Amino acid sequence: MIYDELKRANVEALKQRDANARAVLSVVLNKIKLCEIEKRAQGAELTDADVTTILQKSLKELAEEKEAFEKAGREASVAELNAQISFVEKYLPKMMSADEIRAEINKLDDKSVPSVMKHFKANFAGKCDMREVQAVLKNM
């Protein structure tokens, strides 16, 4: 499970005294823990899809933060954020390409937008960008 890998990476970052990795891992692990508590309150278990969603949101937040630092001309902070972004990206699953999405859509009997979107959310959560799915579907 991705969550376990992140916890092991956190311990390793502590041993290596890697402040950059620790900074991003502490934020991500806290978000995951909060999600796990919410899931448990609802009677559900934390899944890799949940962790992937949190990682993707964290990646987006880091990218926005990096953009703000670039506008402010703070190159040292931009370099730190680049390292944090690459660290988070290591734990994200490989995203589906447009060709893979198209092939999956072609396998479906019902190619209506709601049906296709529901199929991808149920079966490929965190492994494909839903905007990409919609774009591929629109161009078919």
C-alpha atoms as a PDB file:
ATOM      1  CA  MET A   1       0.000   0.000   0.000  1.00  0.00           C
ATOM      2  CA  ILE A   2       1.218   3.504  -0.846  1.00  0.00           C
ATOM      3  CA  TYR A   3       0.558   4.703   2.700  1.00  0.00           C
ATOM      4  CA  ASP A   4       3.015   2.142   4.103  1.00  0.00           C
ATOM      5  CA  GLU A   5       5.644   3.168   1.548  1.00  0.00           C
ATOM      6  CA  LEU A   6       5.233   6.798   2.584  1.00  0.00           C
ATOM      7  CA  LYS A   7       5.643   5.905   6.264  1.00  0.00           C
ATOM      8  CA  ARG A   8       8.841   3.965   5.471  1.00  0.00           C
ATOM      9  CA  ALA A   9      10.111   6.919   3.418  1.00  0.00           C
ATOM     10  CA  ASN A  10       9.384   9.210   6.372  1.00  0.00           C
ATOM     11  CA  VAL A  11      11.472   7.046   8.708  1.00  0.00           C
ATOM     12  CA  GLU A  12      14.257   6.944   6.130  1.00  0.00           C
ATOM     13  CA  ALA A  13      14.130  10.743   5.743  1.00  0.00           C
ATOM     14  CA  LEU A  14      14.419  11.063   9.520  1.00  0.00           C
ATOM     15  CA  LYS A  15      17.493   8.826   9.541  1.00  0.00           C
ATOM     16  CA  GLN A  16      19.054  10.723   6.620  1.00  0.00           C
ATOM     17  CA  ARG A  17      18.151  14.099   8.168  1.00  0.00           C
ATOM     18  CA  ASP A  18      16.527  15.096   4.862  1.00  0.00           C
ATOM     19  CA  ALA A  19      14.581  18.218   5.857  1.00  0.00           C
ATOM     20  CA  ASN A  20      13.067  18.667   2.415  1.00  0.00           C
ATOM     21  CA  ALA A  21      11.598  15.178   2.253  1.00  0.00           C
ATOM     22  CA  ARG A  22      10.451  15.428   5.872  1.00  0.00           C
ATOM     23  CA  ALA A  23       8.648  18.701   5.145  1.00  0.00           C
ATOM     24  CA  VAL A  24       6.567  17.278   2.336  1.00  0.00           C
ATOM     25  CA  LEU A  25       6.073  13.878   3.982  1.00  0.00           C
ATOM     26  CA  SER A  26       4.791  15.325   7.227  1.00  0.00           C
ATOM     27  CA  VAL A  27       2.144  17.331   5.372  1.00  0.00           C
ATOM     28  CA  VAL A  28       1.094  14.418   3.168  1.00  0.00           C
ATOM     29  CA  LEU A  29       1.037  11.892   6.022  1.00  0.00           C
ATOM     30  CA  ASN A  30      -1.076  14.235   8.145  1.00  0.00           C
ATOM     31  CA  LYS A  31      -3.590  14.653   5.315  1.00  0.00           C
ATOM     32  CA  ILE A  32      -3.723  10.882   4.861  1.00  0.00           C
ATOM     33  CA  LYS A  33      -4.230  10.332   8.595  1.00  0.00           C
ATOM     34  CA  LEU A  34      -7.134  12.812   8.615  1.00  0.00           C
ATOM     35  CA  CYS A  35      -8.689  11.043   5.640  1.00  0.00           C
ATOM     36  CA  GLU A  36      -8.227   7.695   7.372  1.00  0.00           C
ATOM     37  CA  ILE A  37     -10.024   9.005  10.467  1.00  0.00           C
ATOM     38  CA  GLU A  38     -12.907  10.310   8.339  1.00  0.00           C
ATOM     39  CA  LYS A  39     -13.158   6.987   6.510  1.00  0.00           C
ATOM     40  CA  ARG A  40     -13.123   5.035   9.754  1.00  0.00           C
ATOM     41  CA  ALA A  41     -15.936   7.236  11.119  1.00  0.00           C
ATOM     42  CA  GLN A  42     -17.973   6.304   8.043  1.00  0.00           C
ATOM     43  CA  GLY A  43     -17.169   2.621   8.505  1.00  0.00           C
ATOM     44  CA  ALA A  44     -14.875   2.415   5.466  1.00  0.00           C
ATOM     45  CA  GLU A  45     -11.202   1.634   5.001  1.00  0.00           C
ATOM     46  CA  LEU A  46      -8.523   3.860   3.510  1.00  0.00           C
ATOM     47  CA  THR A  47      -7.651   2.749  -0.039  1.00  0.00           C
ATOM     48  CA  ASP A  48      -4.753   3.422  -2.369  1.00  0.00           C
ATOM     49  CA  ALA A  49      -7.159   5.499  -4.487  1.00  0.00           C
ATOM     50  CA  ASP A  50      -7.729   7.788  -1.481  1.00  0.00           C
ATOM     51  CA  VAL A  51      -3.994   8.127  -0.912  1.00  0.00           C
ATOM     52  CA  THR A  52      -3.428   8.803  -4.615  1.00  0.00           C
ATOM     53  CA  THR A  53      -6.070  11.534  -4.549  1.00  0.00           C
ATOM     54  CA  ILE A  54      -4.356  13.156  -1.564  1.00  0.00           C
ATOM     55  CA  LEU A  55      -0.974  12.936  -3.302  1.00  0.00           C
ATOM     56  CA  GLN A  56      -2.411  14.533  -6.449  1.00  0.00           C
ATOM     57  CA  LYS A  57      -3.954  17.382  -4.439  1.00  0.00           C
ATOM     58  CA  SER A  58      -0.683  17.896  -2.585  1.00  0.00           C
ATOM     59  CA  LEU A  59       1.183  17.956  -5.889  1.00  0.00           C
ATOM     60  CA  LYS A  60      -1.191  20.601  -7.206  1.00  0.00           C
ATOM     61  CA  GLU A  61      -0.741  22.700  -4.044  1.00  0.00           C
ATOM     62  CA  LEU A  62       3.046  22.438  -4.338  1.00  0.00           C
ATOM     63  CA  ALA A  63       2.893  23.504  -7.993  1.00  0.00           C
ATOM     64  CA  GLU A  64       0.772  26.547  -7.084  1.00  0.00           C
ATOM     65  CA  GLU A  65       3.168  27.435  -4.284  1.00  0.00           C
ATOM     66  CA  LYS A  66       6.123  27.063  -6.655  1.00  0.00           C
ATOM     67  CA  GLU A  67       4.446  29.366  -9.160  1.00  0.00           C
ATOM     68  CA  ALA A  68       3.961  32.024  -6.477  1.00  0.00           C
ATOM     69  CA  PHE A  69       7.623  31.807  -5.452  1.00  0.00           C
ATOM     70  CA  GLU A  70       8.707  32.067  -9.100  1.00  0.00           C
ATOM     71  CA  LYS A  71       6.685  35.277  -9.470  1.00  0.00           C
ATOM     72  CA  ALA A  72       8.285  36.615  -6.284  1.00  0.00           C
ATOM     73  CA  GLY A  73      11.768  35.715  -7.550  1.00  0.00           C
ATOM     74  CA  ARG A  74      12.645  33.412  -4.645  1.00  0.00           C
ATOM     75  CA  GLU A  75      14.795  30.858  -6.449  1.00  0.00           C
ATOM     76  CA  ALA A  76      15.929  29.026  -3.299  1.00  0.00           C
ATOM     77  CA  SER A  77      12.318  28.271  -2.380  1.00  0.00           C
ATOM     78  CA  VAL A  78      11.564  27.222  -5.962  1.00  0.00           C
ATOM     79  CA  ALA A  79      14.447  24.723  -5.853  1.00  0.00           C
ATOM     80  CA  GLU A  80      13.142  23.254  -2.581  1.00  0.00           C
ATOM     81  CA  LEU A  81       9.657  22.930  -4.025  1.00  0.00           C
ATOM     82  CA  ASN A  82      10.997  21.248  -7.174  1.00  0.00           C
ATOM     83  CA  ALA A  83      12.674  18.652  -4.955  1.00  0.00           C
ATOM     84  CA  GLN A  84       9.450  18.162  -2.976  1.00  0.00           C
ATOM     85  CA  ILE A  85       7.383  17.839  -6.171  1.00  0.00           C
ATOM     86  CA  SER A  86       9.714  15.190  -7.593  1.00  0.00           C
ATOM     87  CA  PHE A  87       9.611  13.348  -4.253  1.00  0.00           C
ATOM     88  CA  VAL A  88       5.787  13.219  -4.262  1.00  0.00           C
ATOM     89  CA  GLU A  89       5.668  12.204  -7.939  1.00  0.00           C
ATOM     90  CA  LYS A  90       7.661   9.035  -7.117  1.00  0.00           C
ATOM     91  CA  TYR A  91       4.697   7.710  -5.135  1.00  0.00           C
ATOM     92  CA  LEU A  92       1.994   8.417  -7.701  1.00  0.00           C
ATOM     93  CA  PRO A  93       0.955   5.559  -9.963  1.00  0.00           C
ATOM     94  CA  LYS A  94       1.615   5.886 -13.678  1.00  0.00           C
ATOM     95  CA  MET A  95      -1.250   7.766 -15.303  1.00  0.00           C
ATOM     96  CA  MET A  96      -3.086   6.272 -18.257  1.00  0.00           C
ATOM     97  CA  SER A  97      -2.212   7.677 -21.666  1.00  0.00           C
ATOM     98  CA  ALA A  98      -4.806   8.929 -24.134  1.00  0.00           C
ATOM     99  CA  ASP A  99      -4.372   5.749 -26.196  1.00  0.00           C
ATOM    100  CA  GLU A 100      -4.984   3.543 -23.149  1.00  0.00           C
ATOM    101  CA  ILE A 101      -8.074   5.584 -22.273  1.00  0.00           C
ATOM    102  CA  ARG A 102      -9.367   5.320 -25.850  1.00  0.00           C
ATOM    103  CA  ALA A 103      -8.813   1.536 -25.843  1.00  0.00           C
ATOM    104  CA  GLU A 104     -10.728   1.200 -22.564  1.00  0.00           C
ATOM    105  CA  ILE A 105     -13.603   3.321 -23.888  1.00  0.00           C
ATOM    106  CA  ASN A 106     -13.787   1.164 -27.019  1.00  0.00           C
ATOM    107  CA  LYS A 107     -14.275  -1.929 -24.822  1.00  0.00           C
ATOM    108  CA  LEU A 108     -17.424  -0.431 -23.288  1.00  0.00           C
ATOM    109  CA  ASP A 109     -20.889  -1.177 -24.655  1.00  0.00           C
ATOM    110  CA  ASP A 110     -22.394   2.137 -23.542  1.00  0.00           C
ATOM    111  CA  LYS A 111     -20.190   5.031 -24.658  1.00  0.00           C
ATOM    112  CA  SER A 112     -22.379   7.799 -23.225  1.00  0.00           C
ATOM    113  CA  VAL A 113     -20.541  10.411 -21.165  1.00  0.00           C
ATOM    114  CA  PRO A 114     -22.128   9.524 -17.796  1.00  0.00           C
ATOM    115  CA  SER A 115     -21.539   5.818 -18.303  1.00  0.00           C
ATOM    116  CA  VAL A 116     -17.907   6.237 -19.360  1.00  0.00           C
ATOM    117  CA  MET A 117     -17.121   8.655 -16.523  1.00  0.00           C
ATOM    118  CA  LYS A 118     -18.724   6.334 -13.982  1.00  0.00           C
ATOM    119  CA  HIS A 119     -16.691   3.391 -15.357  1.00  0.00           C
ATOM    120  CA  PHE A 120     -13.406   5.275 -15.082  1.00  0.00           C
ATOM    121  CA  LYS A 121     -14.162   6.608 -11.593  1.00  0.00           C
ATOM    122  CA  ALA A 122     -15.013   3.121 -10.366  1.00  0.00           C
ATOM    123  CA  ASN A 123     -12.173   1.224 -12.023  1.00  0.00           C
ATOM    124  CA  PHE A 124      -9.336   3.684 -12.594  1.00  0.00           C
ATOM    125  CA  ALA A 125      -9.566   6.194  -9.739  1.00  0.00           C
ATOM    126  CA  GLY A 126      -6.201   7.893  -9.350  1.00  0.00           C
ATOM    127  CA  LYS A 127      -4.796   6.249 -12.472  1.00  0.00           C
ATOM    128  CA  CYS A 128      -6.292   8.640 -15.003  1.00  0.00           C
ATOM    129  CA  ASP A 129      -7.132  12.306 -15.213  1.00  0.00           C
ATOM    130  CA  MET A 130     -10.892  12.630 -15.621  1.00  0.00           C
ATOM    131  CA  ARG A 131     -10.444  15.731 -17.800  1.00  0.00           C
ATOM    132  CA  GLU A 132      -8.273  13.640 -20.113  1.00  0.00           C
ATOM    133  CA  VAL A 133     -10.991  10.963 -20.233  1.00  0.00           C
ATOM    134  CA  GLN A 134     -13.560  13.594 -21.123  1.00  0.00           C
ATOM    135  CA  ALA A 135     -11.305  15.080 -23.821  1.00  0.00           C
ATOM    136  CA  VAL A 136     -10.651  11.669 -25.387  1.00  0.00           C
ATOM    137  CA  LEU A 137     -14.348  10.835 -25.299  1.00  0.00           C
ATOM    138  CA  LYS A 138     -15.234  14.143 -26.920  1.00  0.00           C
ATOM    139  CA  ASN A 139     -12.758  13.530 -29.767  1.00  0.00           C
ATOM    140  CA  MET A 140     -14.055  10.036 -30.541  1.00  0.00           C
END
